[in-house]
Amino acid sequence: MKPAERLSQLKPSPIRAITDGTPPGAIPLGLGEPTWDLPEVGRKALLRDPGPCAYVPHVGLTELRKAVAAFHNAHLDEVLITTGSQGALFSLFQAWVNPGTQVLMPDPGFVAYPALARMAGAEPVTYRLSPDRFRLDADELIRVLEATPDASAVILNLPSNPTGGGGDLTALKRVADACTARGVLLISDEVYRDLHFGVRAPSLRDVTDRGVVTSSVSKGWGAPGLRVGWAVGDPAWLAPARVVHGYAVTGTATPAQWAALALIEHSDTVLAEARAAVQLRWEALAAALREELGQVVAPPDGTFYHFMPLPPSAHADPLAFCLKLRDEAKVVLIPGLAFGEGGRGHARLSFAATPEQLREGVRRLAPYWKN
């Protein structure tokens, strides 16, 4: 027996290739996961009074769908609850991306996007982000779209993993109009949108109701382990995705949905506390970079990632350089090349780590930049 042919183009995540070999005592600046406590309202919801733990509809718990709809200024029938935002993306790709078509995605961009396209039998086609802090470049995306006649979907990530770059309303509107004119599904992955530094990145829903927004409680609400996400958009886009998600997982875990509901109902407090935690960590990182390397850095448009320029000598083999950092300096960074050729000259540093870890991590990294 051999694995299914559709897996032949898939490779293990390069992020895991770095992090799975982490030596004892290493500073973990690789994975993007919160290091602050799950908010109390979420913990209490997981410990609710005993009672049936029943199935819920494939689309999700009605109360949770109402809360997500209110958060996104949407209608109830525009919300599908999924097993993480990854579940939303997988279901949308399987529902709308035909074999032999192309899916447009950012370079650098989240490592799952090309894998999701290939599992649907499609070809990933990348568009570059702007050279000024890796933001959405409408001209570039539309140029690639016009050169890709068999495109079936376009994915945005605002703010971006790994770069932290966002976009502006004008660029977002131009991209949305171009996709609508072509009849191409436009997906905006906005899972980091609520982790900002004073100015919230625009949402696709600010410019159109024709695309689909995906998000989850994993980042802003600090609960990646709950695995609760959602898709918000035109019910016509969501209906076949709901069928895929239902057959894949039946439905998202009921207790996790209870906890997600509590977190979203208390969004004003929970998100403010998360932003304060991220701000504290950013300040620790910025101070350490200034003191150890003389670097003055600006915060990203959102996320808890710093897309750190590598020394020129590391550009030829960024993976080898990051492995050296992991094994010698005992600091884990993710090479930007893992996210596409456009990230070759950078490494993704997650400042979701504790302030103490950030200060010590930069101290350990500094000699490798100075030398």
Protein backbone atom coordinates (compact mmCIF):
# COMPACT_ATOMS: atom_id res chain seq x y z
CA MET A 1 0.00 0.00 0.00
CA LYS A 2 1.10 3.54 -0.75
CA PRO A 3 -0.25 6.83 0.62
CA ALA A 4 -2.74 8.68 -1.57
CA GLU A 5 -1.15 10.41 -4.56
CA ARG A 6 -2.43 13.81 -3.38
CA LEU A 7 0.05 13.65 -0.50
CA SER A 8 3.06 13.29 -2.78
CA GLN A 9 3.64 17.05 -2.98
CA LEU A 10 3.26 17.66 0.74
CA LYS A 11 6.22 17.98 3.06
CA PRO A 12 6.35 18.25 6.86
CA SER A 13 5.95 21.78 8.14
CA PRO A 14 9.34 23.56 8.14
CA ILE A 15 8.29 25.20 11.39
CA ARG A 16 8.03 21.80 13.05
CA ALA A 17 11.32 20.73 11.46
CA ILE A 18 12.98 23.51 13.44
CA THR A 19 11.01 23.30 16.68
CA ASP A 20 10.80 19.51 17.04
CA GLY A 21 14.56 19.27 17.53
CA THR A 22 14.75 22.01 20.15
CA PRO A 23 17.48 21.23 22.71
CA PRO A 24 16.85 21.55 26.45
CA GLY A 25 17.15 25.08 27.76
CA ALA A 26 16.51 26.74 24.39
CA ILE A 27 14.56 30.01 24.28
CA PRO A 28 11.34 29.34 22.27
CA LEU A 29 10.88 32.28 19.89
CA GLY A 30 9.58 30.05 17.11
CA LEU A 31 5.97 28.97 17.60
CA GLY A 32 3.27 31.64 17.61
CA GLU A 33 1.34 30.79 20.74
CA PRO A 34 0.38 33.03 23.69
CA THR A 35 2.30 32.68 26.95
CA TRP A 36 -0.31 34.48 29.05
CA ASP A 37 -3.03 32.61 30.94
CA LEU A 38 -6.32 31.58 29.40
CA PRO A 39 -8.74 34.31 30.58
CA GLU A 40 -10.77 33.40 33.63
CA VAL A 41 -14.12 33.56 31.81
CA GLY A 42 -12.88 30.83 29.45
CA ARG A 43 -11.66 28.65 32.30
CA LYS A 44 -14.97 28.96 34.12
CA ALA A 45 -16.93 28.06 30.99
CA LEU A 46 -14.93 24.84 30.67
CA LEU A 47 -16.00 23.98 34.25
CA ARG A 48 -19.71 24.71 33.79
CA ASP A 49 -22.31 22.73 35.72
CA PRO A 50 -22.64 19.05 34.77
CA GLY A 51 -25.16 18.17 32.12
CA PRO A 52 -25.38 16.59 28.68
CA CYS A 53 -22.43 17.18 26.37
CA ALA A 54 -24.43 16.74 23.21
CA TYR A 55 -23.74 17.11 19.53
CA VAL A 56 -24.30 20.56 18.11
CA PRO A 57 -25.33 21.45 14.55
CA HIS A 58 -22.58 21.23 11.91
CA VAL A 59 -22.67 25.04 11.64
CA GLY A 60 -21.93 25.41 15.36
CA LEU A 61 -23.62 26.31 18.62
CA THR A 62 -26.32 28.88 17.88
CA GLU A 63 -25.33 31.15 20.77
CA LEU A 64 -21.70 31.14 19.60
CA ARG A 65 -22.71 31.89 16.02
CA LYS A 66 -24.76 34.84 17.28
CA ALA A 67 -21.77 36.15 19.25
CA VAL A 68 -19.43 35.82 16.25
CA ALA A 69 -22.02 37.46 14.01
CA ALA A 70 -22.31 40.41 16.41
CA PHE A 71 -18.53 40.74 16.62
CA HIS A 72 -18.24 40.92 12.82
CA ASN A 73 -21.44 42.93 12.29
CA ALA A 74 -22.86 40.01 10.32
CA HIS A 75 -26.07 37.99 10.17
CA LEU A 76 -26.47 34.58 11.80
CA ASP A 77 -26.63 32.78 8.47
CA GLU A 78 -23.26 34.29 7.52
CA VAL A 79 -21.39 32.38 10.26
CA LEU A 80 -19.94 28.86 10.21
CA ILE A 81 -18.14 27.60 13.33
CA THR A 82 -15.15 25.39 12.52
CA THR A 83 -12.38 23.46 14.20
CA GLY A 84 -9.90 26.33 14.29
CA SER A 85 -9.45 28.77 11.43
CA GLN A 86 -7.50 25.98 9.74
CA GLY A 87 -10.74 23.99 9.63
CA ALA A 88 -12.46 26.93 7.95
CA LEU A 89 -9.69 27.28 5.35
CA PHE A 90 -9.58 23.54 4.63
CA SER A 91 -13.35 23.38 4.17
CA LEU A 92 -13.43 26.42 1.88
CA PHE A 93 -10.60 25.08 -0.27
CA GLN A 94 -12.20 21.66 -0.58
CA ALA A 95 -15.56 23.20 -1.40
CA TRP A 96 -14.48 25.76 -4.01
CA VAL A 97 -11.02 24.95 -5.39
CA ASN A 98 -11.13 22.57 -8.35
CA PRO A 99 -8.21 20.35 -9.40
CA GLY A 100 -6.14 21.98 -12.10
CA THR A 101 -6.95 25.54 -11.01
CA GLN A 102 -4.70 28.01 -9.21
CA VAL A 103 -4.88 29.64 -5.79
CA LEU A 104 -3.19 33.01 -5.22
CA MET A 105 -1.42 33.48 -1.90
CA PRO A 106 1.16 35.89 -0.39
CA ASP A 107 4.91 35.37 -0.51
CA PRO A 108 6.02 35.32 2.24
CA GLY A 109 2.89 33.75 3.68
CA PHE A 110 1.56 31.20 6.15
CA VAL A 111 2.99 27.74 5.46
CA ALA A 112 -0.42 26.02 5.36
CA TYR A 113 -1.73 27.93 2.33
CA PRO A 114 0.21 26.06 -0.40
CA ALA A 115 -0.46 22.72 1.31
CA LEU A 116 -4.21 23.41 1.38
CA ALA A 117 -4.14 24.27 -2.33
CA ARG A 118 -2.23 21.12 -3.25
CA MET A 119 -4.59 18.91 -1.20
CA ALA A 120 -7.39 20.33 -3.34
CA GLY A 121 -5.43 19.43 -6.48
CA ALA A 122 -4.64 23.05 -7.28
CA GLU A 123 -1.42 24.94 -7.94
CA PRO A 124 -0.22 27.61 -5.50
CA VAL A 125 0.61 30.89 -7.26
CA THR A 126 2.28 33.57 -5.17
CA TYR A 127 2.04 37.33 -5.22
CA ARG A 128 4.66 39.56 -3.60
CA LEU A 129 4.00 41.86 -0.69
CA SER A 130 5.23 45.44 -0.73
CA PRO A 131 8.94 46.02 -0.03
CA ASP A 132 8.04 48.50 2.73
CA ARG A 133 7.31 46.23 5.67
CA PHE A 134 5.62 43.51 3.59
CA ARG A 135 2.14 45.02 3.30
CA LEU A 136 -0.62 44.19 0.82
CA ASP A 137 0.29 45.49 -2.65
CA ALA A 138 -2.91 45.72 -4.69
CA ASP A 139 -1.10 46.43 -7.96
CA GLU A 140 1.01 43.30 -7.61
CA LEU A 141 -1.86 41.05 -6.57
CA ILE A 142 -4.13 42.25 -9.39
CA ARG A 143 -1.28 41.85 -11.89
CA VAL A 144 -0.84 38.21 -10.85
CA LEU A 145 -4.61 37.64 -10.89
CA GLU A 146 -4.89 38.98 -14.44
CA ALA A 147 -2.05 36.67 -15.49
CA THR A 148 -3.77 33.63 -13.93
CA PRO A 149 -6.89 32.87 -15.97
CA ASP A 150 -7.69 29.64 -14.10
CA ALA A 151 -7.56 31.15 -10.60
CA SER A 152 -10.28 29.73 -8.35
CA ALA A 153 -9.42 31.51 -5.09
CA VAL A 154 -7.29 34.30 -3.62
CA ILE A 155 -6.19 34.38 0.00
CA LEU A 156 -5.14 37.41 2.01
CA ASN A 157 -3.63 37.43 5.49
CA LEU A 158 -4.13 40.75 7.27
CA PRO A 159 -2.10 41.26 9.41
CA SER A 160 0.38 38.80 8.00
CA ASN A 161 1.97 35.72 9.47
CA PRO A 162 5.01 35.87 9.29
CA THR A 163 5.62 39.57 8.56
CA GLY A 164 3.10 41.44 10.71
CA GLY A 165 2.31 43.67 7.71
CA GLY A 166 -1.23 44.84 7.08
CA GLY A 167 -2.93 46.77 4.31
CA ASP A 168 -5.12 49.80 3.75
CA LEU A 169 -8.77 50.14 2.80
CA THR A 170 -8.03 51.36 -0.72
CA ALA A 171 -5.84 48.37 -1.54
CA LEU A 172 -8.33 45.96 0.03
CA LYS A 173 -11.24 47.47 -1.95
CA ARG A 174 -9.34 47.21 -5.24
CA VAL A 175 -8.51 43.55 -4.62
CA ALA A 176 -12.08 42.75 -3.57
CA ASP A 177 -13.51 44.40 -6.68
CA ALA A 178 -11.07 42.54 -8.94
CA CYS A 179 -11.99 39.17 -7.40
CA THR A 180 -15.72 39.92 -7.58
CA ALA A 181 -15.40 40.84 -11.26
CA ARG A 182 -13.67 37.52 -11.95
CA GLY A 183 -16.04 35.43 -9.81
CA VAL A 184 -13.08 34.24 -7.73
CA LEU A 185 -13.48 33.35 -4.05
CA LEU A 186 -11.61 35.88 -1.89
CA ILE A 187 -10.66 34.67 1.59
CA SER A 188 -9.21 37.04 4.19
CA ASP A 189 -7.45 35.26 7.06
CA GLU A 190 -7.80 37.80 9.88
CA VAL A 191 -6.86 35.68 12.88
CA TYR A 192 -4.35 38.30 14.13
CA ARG A 193 -6.47 41.39 13.46
CA ASP A 194 -7.25 42.11 17.12
CA LEU A 195 -3.61 41.98 18.24
CA HIS A 196 -2.68 45.48 17.10
CA PHE A 197 -0.69 48.41 18.43
CA GLY A 198 -3.26 51.18 18.44
CA VAL A 199 -4.57 50.98 14.88
CA ARG A 200 -6.65 47.96 13.94
CA ALA A 201 -6.02 46.58 10.47
CA PRO A 202 -8.98 46.89 8.08
CA SER A 203 -11.18 43.88 7.48
CA LEU A 204 -12.41 42.54 4.17
CA ARG A 205 -15.90 43.13 5.54
CA ASP A 206 -15.15 46.86 5.63
CA VAL A 207 -15.13 46.93 1.82
CA THR A 208 -17.37 44.06 0.64
CA ASP A 209 -19.79 41.39 1.77
CA ARG A 210 -18.89 39.11 -1.15
CA GLY A 211 -15.77 37.42 0.27
CA VAL A 212 -15.18 35.26 3.35
CA VAL A 213 -13.32 36.22 6.54
CA THR A 214 -11.74 33.49 8.67
CA SER A 215 -10.60 33.85 12.26
CA SER A 216 -10.50 32.05 15.61
CA VAL A 217 -10.04 32.44 19.35
CA SER A 218 -6.47 31.17 19.05
CA LYS A 219 -4.59 34.48 18.99
CA GLY A 220 -6.49 37.56 20.17
CA TRP A 221 -8.46 35.61 22.77
CA GLY A 222 -5.38 33.58 23.79
CA ALA A 223 -6.92 30.12 23.39
CA PRO A 224 -5.24 28.12 20.60
CA GLY A 225 -5.87 24.84 22.38
CA LEU A 226 -9.65 25.25 22.17
CA ARG A 227 -9.47 24.81 18.38
CA VAL A 228 -12.49 27.01 17.72
CA GLY A 229 -12.59 29.11 14.57
CA TRP A 230 -15.10 30.45 12.10
CA ALA A 231 -15.83 31.63 8.60
CA VAL A 232 -17.98 34.72 8.05
CA GLY A 233 -19.37 35.56 4.64
CA ASP A 234 -22.08 35.18 2.04
CA PRO A 235 -24.11 32.04 2.90
CA ALA A 236 -23.71 30.91 -0.71
CA TRP A 237 -19.95 30.60 -0.17
CA LEU A 238 -20.42 28.87 3.20
CA ALA A 239 -23.04 26.25 2.31
CA PRO A 240 -20.73 23.73 0.57
CA ALA A 241 -17.94 24.41 3.09
CA ARG A 242 -20.39 23.46 5.83
CA VAL A 243 -20.92 20.08 4.14
CA VAL A 244 -17.16 19.46 3.96
CA HIS A 245 -16.62 20.44 7.58
CA GLY A 246 -19.51 18.28 8.74
CA TYR A 247 -18.14 15.17 7.07
CA ALA A 248 -14.59 15.94 8.23
CA VAL A 249 -15.24 16.47 11.95
CA THR A 250 -19.04 16.38 12.50
CA GLY A 251 -18.75 19.51 14.60
CA THR A 252 -16.36 21.47 16.80
CA ALA A 253 -16.08 20.18 20.38
CA THR A 254 -19.04 21.37 22.46
CA PRO A 255 -17.11 22.36 25.65
CA ALA A 256 -14.64 24.29 23.52
CA GLN A 257 -17.53 26.20 21.97
CA TRP A 258 -18.89 27.03 25.43
CA ALA A 259 -15.50 28.50 26.37
CA ALA A 260 -15.19 30.38 23.06
CA LEU A 261 -18.64 31.87 23.61
CA ALA A 262 -17.62 33.18 27.04
CA LEU A 263 -14.42 34.68 25.64
CA ILE A 264 -16.19 36.44 22.77
CA GLU A 265 -18.97 37.73 25.02
CA HIS A 266 -16.22 39.38 27.11
CA SER A 267 -14.20 40.59 24.11
CA ASP A 268 -13.82 44.16 25.35
CA THR A 269 -11.90 42.99 28.41
CA VAL A 270 -10.22 39.89 26.98
CA LEU A 271 -8.85 41.59 23.86
CA ALA A 272 -7.69 44.65 25.78
CA GLU A 273 -5.77 42.42 28.20
CA ALA A 274 -4.25 40.45 25.30
CA ARG A 275 -3.10 43.65 23.60
CA ALA A 276 -1.57 44.83 26.87
CA ALA A 277 0.31 41.52 27.18
CA VAL A 278 1.59 41.79 23.60
CA GLN A 279 2.56 45.46 24.10
CA LEU A 280 4.59 44.51 27.18
CA ARG A 281 6.39 41.82 25.21
CA TRP A 282 7.01 44.11 22.25
CA GLU A 283 8.59 46.73 24.53
CA ALA A 284 10.89 44.08 26.03
CA LEU A 285 11.94 42.91 22.57
CA ALA A 286 12.46 46.43 21.19
CA ALA A 287 14.57 47.41 24.21
CA ALA A 288 16.70 44.26 23.93
CA LEU A 289 17.31 44.79 20.19
CA ARG A 290 18.31 48.39 20.85
CA GLU A 291 20.64 47.52 23.73
CA GLU A 292 22.25 44.39 22.26
CA LEU A 293 22.31 45.17 18.53
CA GLY A 294 21.72 48.91 18.25
CA GLN A 295 18.57 48.24 16.21
CA VAL A 296 15.64 50.66 16.41
CA VAL A 297 12.50 48.82 15.32
CA ALA A 298 8.86 49.75 14.77
CA PRO A 299 6.02 47.46 15.86
CA PRO A 300 4.21 45.43 13.22
CA ASP A 301 0.74 46.40 12.00
CA GLY A 302 -0.50 43.47 14.05
CA THR A 303 0.43 39.95 15.29
CA PHE A 304 3.19 39.09 17.74
CA TYR A 305 5.85 38.54 15.07
CA HIS A 306 8.99 40.51 14.29
CA PHE A 307 10.28 39.75 10.81
CA MET A 308 13.94 40.15 11.65
CA PRO A 309 16.51 40.83 8.89
CA LEU A 310 19.22 38.17 8.83
CA PRO A 311 22.93 38.95 8.51
CA PRO A 312 23.87 38.99 4.79
CA SER A 313 26.07 35.92 5.29
CA ALA A 314 22.98 33.89 6.27
CA HIS A 315 20.99 34.59 3.09
CA ALA A 316 22.53 31.73 1.13
CA ASP A 317 21.32 29.10 3.61
CA PRO A 318 18.88 30.57 6.16
CA LEU A 319 17.83 27.14 7.41
CA ALA A 320 21.40 26.20 8.31
CA PHE A 321 21.83 29.54 10.08
CA CYS A 322 18.66 29.07 12.14
CA LEU A 323 19.63 25.50 13.01
CA LYS A 324 22.97 26.85 14.20
CA LEU A 325 21.16 29.39 16.37
CA ARG A 326 18.98 26.63 17.77
CA ASP A 327 21.79 24.22 18.56
CA GLU A 328 24.58 26.64 19.56
CA ALA A 329 22.90 29.79 20.87
CA LYS A 330 19.89 27.76 22.02
CA VAL A 331 17.37 30.20 20.56
CA VAL A 332 14.62 29.04 18.22
CA LEU A 333 13.75 31.30 15.26
CA ILE A 334 11.94 30.29 12.07
CA PRO A 335 13.76 31.09 8.81
CA GLY A 336 11.71 33.41 6.62
CA LEU A 337 12.41 31.10 3.69
CA ALA A 338 9.98 28.64 5.30
CA PHE A 339 7.22 31.08 4.30
CA GLY A 340 8.37 31.56 0.71
CA GLU A 341 11.30 32.84 -1.30
CA GLY A 342 10.25 36.40 -0.45
CA GLY A 343 11.23 35.75 3.15
CA ARG A 344 14.76 34.49 2.43
CA GLY A 345 16.54 37.46 4.02
CA HIS A 346 14.57 37.35 7.27
CA ALA A 347 13.66 35.17 10.23
CA ARG A 348 10.36 35.16 12.10
CA LEU A 349 10.77 35.93 15.78
CA SER A 350 7.69 35.32 17.91
CA PHE A 351 7.48 37.85 20.73
CA ALA A 352 4.56 35.99 22.28
CA ALA A 353 7.25 34.59 24.60
CA THR A 354 7.67 36.04 28.08
CA PRO A 355 9.60 39.33 28.47
CA GLU A 356 12.35 37.45 30.30
CA GLN A 357 12.69 34.95 27.46
CA LEU A 358 12.83 37.77 24.92
CA ARG A 359 15.58 39.64 26.72
CA GLU A 360 17.66 36.50 27.21
CA GLY A 361 16.98 35.29 23.66
CA VAL A 362 18.23 38.51 22.06
CA ARG A 363 21.30 38.48 24.33
CA ARG A 364 22.14 34.99 23.04
CA LEU A 365 21.46 35.94 19.41
CA ALA A 366 23.50 39.13 19.38
CA PRO A 367 26.97 37.61 18.77
CA TYR A 368 25.72 35.84 15.64
CA TRP A 369 24.62 39.16 14.13
CA LYS A 370 27.72 41.06 15.26
CA ASN A 371 30.07 38.43 13.86
